[in-house]
Amino acid sequence: MEKITLNVNMHCDGCVKRISKALSEIKEVRKYDISLKKQQLSLELENIDFLDKIISVIEDLGFEVSK
């Protein structure tokens, strides 16, 4: 398992719900925690090679993501 934290530009609970729904559909994501207050997403991934895919999914939802 790989653990990583990403910074995600979120504004409301709706943002959190959209990201959460998308992450729940990605089998390579084992666990995740989204902090609206910190504007962060903590992930446990099956393999770090899937990180770019996950970032792309979040960006496709309209959010800015940085490592």
N, C-alpha and C. Protein backbone atom coordinates (compact mmCIF):
# COMPACT_ATOMS: atom_id res chain seq x y z
N MET A 1 0.83 -1.18 0.00
CA MET A 1 0.00 0.00 0.00
C MET A 1 0.88 1.25 0.00
N GLU A 2 0.43 2.21 -0.74
CA GLU A 2 1.11 3.50 -0.82
C GLU A 2 0.18 4.56 -0.24
N LYS A 3 0.73 5.46 0.58
CA LYS A 3 -0.05 6.56 1.14
C LYS A 3 0.44 7.87 0.55
N ILE A 4 -0.51 8.72 0.19
CA ILE A 4 -0.15 10.01 -0.39
C ILE A 4 -1.22 11.03 -0.03
N THR A 5 -0.80 12.29 0.08
CA THR A 5 -1.73 13.38 0.33
C THR A 5 -1.65 14.37 -0.82
N LEU A 6 -2.82 14.75 -1.33
CA LEU A 6 -2.91 15.70 -2.42
C LEU A 6 -3.65 16.95 -1.94
N ASN A 7 -3.29 18.08 -2.49
CA ASN A 7 -4.01 19.33 -2.25
C ASN A 7 -5.05 19.47 -3.35
N VAL A 8 -6.30 19.69 -2.95
CA VAL A 8 -7.40 19.79 -3.91
C VAL A 8 -8.19 21.06 -3.62
N ASN A 9 -8.41 21.86 -4.64
CA ASN A 9 -9.14 23.12 -4.52
C ASN A 9 -10.64 22.84 -4.43
N MET A 10 -11.17 22.75 -3.18
CA MET A 10 -12.59 22.46 -2.94
C MET A 10 -13.23 23.64 -2.22
N HIS A 11 -14.54 23.82 -2.41
CA HIS A 11 -15.21 24.97 -1.81
C HIS A 11 -16.37 24.61 -0.88
N CYS A 12 -16.94 23.39 -1.03
CA CYS A 12 -18.15 23.08 -0.26
C CYS A 12 -18.30 21.57 -0.09
N ASP A 13 -19.33 21.19 0.66
CA ASP A 13 -19.60 19.77 0.86
C ASP A 13 -19.97 19.06 -0.44
N GLY A 14 -20.56 19.81 -1.37
CA GLY A 14 -20.86 19.23 -2.67
C GLY A 14 -19.60 18.78 -3.40
N CYS A 15 -18.54 19.57 -3.26
CA CYS A 15 -17.24 19.20 -3.86
C CYS A 15 -16.75 17.90 -3.26
N VAL A 16 -16.84 17.80 -1.95
CA VAL A 16 -16.39 16.60 -1.24
C VAL A 16 -17.18 15.39 -1.72
N LYS A 17 -18.48 15.54 -1.86
CA LYS A 17 -19.33 14.43 -2.30
C LYS A 17 -18.99 13.99 -3.72
N ARG A 18 -18.73 14.94 -4.61
CA ARG A 18 -18.39 14.59 -5.99
C ARG A 18 -17.08 13.81 -6.04
N ILE A 19 -16.09 14.27 -5.29
CA ILE A 19 -14.79 13.59 -5.28
C ILE A 19 -14.94 12.21 -4.63
N SER A 20 -15.66 12.15 -3.53
CA SER A 20 -15.87 10.89 -2.83
C SER A 20 -16.55 9.86 -3.74
N LYS A 21 -17.56 10.27 -4.47
CA LYS A 21 -18.25 9.36 -5.38
C LYS A 21 -17.29 8.83 -6.44
N ALA A 22 -16.48 9.71 -7.01
CA ALA A 22 -15.52 9.29 -8.04
C ALA A 22 -14.49 8.32 -7.48
N LEU A 23 -13.98 8.61 -6.29
CA LEU A 23 -12.96 7.75 -5.69
C LEU A 23 -13.52 6.38 -5.33
N SER A 24 -14.77 6.34 -4.91
CA SER A 24 -15.38 5.06 -4.52
C SER A 24 -15.53 4.12 -5.71
N GLU A 25 -15.46 4.65 -6.91
CA GLU A 25 -15.60 3.84 -8.12
C GLU A 25 -14.25 3.38 -8.69
N ILE A 26 -13.16 3.77 -8.04
CA ILE A 26 -11.82 3.39 -8.51
C ILE A 26 -11.29 2.28 -7.61
N LYS A 27 -11.18 1.07 -8.14
CA LYS A 27 -10.83 -0.09 -7.32
C LYS A 27 -9.42 0.00 -6.72
N GLU A 28 -8.54 0.76 -7.35
CA GLU A 28 -7.16 0.86 -6.85
C GLU A 28 -7.05 1.72 -5.58
N VAL A 29 -8.10 2.47 -5.27
CA VAL A 29 -8.11 3.28 -4.06
C VAL A 29 -8.63 2.41 -2.92
N ARG A 30 -7.76 2.14 -1.96
CA ARG A 30 -8.14 1.29 -0.83
C ARG A 30 -8.88 2.09 0.24
N LYS A 31 -8.37 3.26 0.58
CA LYS A 31 -8.98 4.14 1.58
C LYS A 31 -8.74 5.57 1.15
N TYR A 32 -9.62 6.45 1.60
CA TYR A 32 -9.39 7.87 1.36
C TYR A 32 -10.05 8.69 2.44
N ASP A 33 -9.51 9.87 2.67
CA ASP A 33 -10.08 10.82 3.63
C ASP A 33 -9.99 12.20 2.98
N ILE A 34 -11.12 12.90 2.97
CA ILE A 34 -11.17 14.22 2.35
C ILE A 34 -11.40 15.26 3.44
N SER A 35 -10.52 16.25 3.51
CA SER A 35 -10.66 17.34 4.46
C SER A 35 -10.95 18.63 3.71
N LEU A 36 -12.19 19.09 3.82
CA LEU A 36 -12.56 20.36 3.19
C LEU A 36 -11.81 21.51 3.83
N LYS A 37 -11.70 21.47 5.15
CA LYS A 37 -11.03 22.55 5.89
C LYS A 37 -9.56 22.69 5.46
N LYS A 38 -8.87 21.56 5.34
CA LYS A 38 -7.45 21.59 4.95
C LYS A 38 -7.27 21.61 3.43
N GLN A 39 -8.36 21.38 2.68
CA GLN A 39 -8.30 21.29 1.23
C GLN A 39 -7.35 20.16 0.80
N GLN A 40 -7.47 19.01 1.50
CA GLN A 40 -6.56 17.90 1.23
C GLN A 40 -7.32 16.59 1.06
N LEU A 41 -6.71 15.73 0.29
CA LEU A 41 -7.20 14.39 0.05
C LEU A 41 -6.07 13.42 0.41
N SER A 42 -6.32 12.55 1.38
CA SER A 42 -5.35 11.53 1.76
C SER A 42 -5.80 10.20 1.17
N LEU A 43 -4.89 9.52 0.53
CA LEU A 43 -5.20 8.28 -0.18
C LEU A 43 -4.32 7.13 0.27
N GLU A 44 -4.89 5.93 0.27
CA GLU A 44 -4.12 4.70 0.35
C GLU A 44 -4.38 3.97 -0.96
N LEU A 45 -3.32 3.80 -1.72
CA LEU A 45 -3.44 3.20 -3.05
C LEU A 45 -2.85 1.80 -3.06
N GLU A 46 -3.43 0.97 -3.90
CA GLU A 46 -2.90 -0.37 -4.11
C GLU A 46 -1.48 -0.27 -4.68
N ASN A 47 -1.29 0.69 -5.57
CA ASN A 47 0.00 0.87 -6.23
C ASN A 47 0.13 2.33 -6.64
N ILE A 48 1.26 2.94 -6.39
CA ILE A 48 1.49 4.35 -6.69
C ILE A 48 1.38 4.64 -8.19
N ASP A 49 1.50 3.61 -9.02
CA ASP A 49 1.40 3.79 -10.48
C ASP A 49 0.02 4.31 -10.91
N PHE A 50 -0.98 4.16 -10.04
CA PHE A 50 -2.34 4.61 -10.37
C PHE A 50 -2.58 6.07 -10.00
N LEU A 51 -1.60 6.73 -9.41
CA LEU A 51 -1.79 8.10 -8.94
C LEU A 51 -2.16 9.05 -10.08
N ASP A 52 -1.51 8.96 -11.21
CA ASP A 52 -1.82 9.85 -12.32
C ASP A 52 -3.26 9.67 -12.79
N LYS A 53 -3.74 8.44 -12.80
CA LYS A 53 -5.12 8.16 -13.17
C LYS A 53 -6.08 8.85 -12.20
N ILE A 54 -5.80 8.76 -10.92
CA ILE A 54 -6.66 9.35 -9.90
C ILE A 54 -6.66 10.87 -10.00
N ILE A 55 -5.49 11.44 -10.20
CA ILE A 55 -5.40 12.90 -10.37
C ILE A 55 -6.20 13.33 -11.59
N SER A 56 -6.11 12.59 -12.67
CA SER A 56 -6.87 12.92 -13.89
C SER A 56 -8.37 12.87 -13.65
N VAL A 57 -8.83 11.88 -12.91
CA VAL A 57 -10.26 11.76 -12.61
C VAL A 57 -10.73 12.97 -11.83
N ILE A 58 -9.96 13.40 -10.83
CA ILE A 58 -10.34 14.55 -10.01
C ILE A 58 -10.29 15.84 -10.84
N GLU A 59 -9.28 15.98 -11.67
CA GLU A 59 -9.20 17.15 -12.54
C GLU A 59 -10.34 17.19 -13.54
N ASP A 60 -10.75 16.03 -14.03
CA ASP A 60 -11.87 15.96 -14.97
C ASP A 60 -13.19 16.41 -14.33
N LEU A 61 -13.25 16.35 -13.01
CA LEU A 61 -14.42 16.85 -12.28
C LEU A 61 -14.39 18.38 -12.15
N GLY A 62 -13.25 18.99 -12.52
CA GLY A 62 -13.13 20.44 -12.49
C GLY A 62 -12.33 20.99 -11.32
N PHE A 63 -11.59 20.13 -10.62
CA PHE A 63 -10.81 20.57 -9.47
C PHE A 63 -9.33 20.67 -9.83
N GLU A 64 -8.66 21.63 -9.20
CA GLU A 64 -7.20 21.75 -9.33
C GLU A 64 -6.56 20.85 -8.28
N VAL A 65 -5.56 20.06 -8.70
CA VAL A 65 -4.90 19.12 -7.82
C VAL A 65 -3.40 19.37 -7.86
N SER A 66 -2.77 19.35 -6.68
CA SER A 66 -1.31 19.44 -6.63
C SER A 66 -0.80 18.46 -5.57
N LYS A 67 0.43 18.03 -5.79
CA LYS A 67 1.05 17.06 -4.85
C LYS A 67 1.68 17.79 -3.69
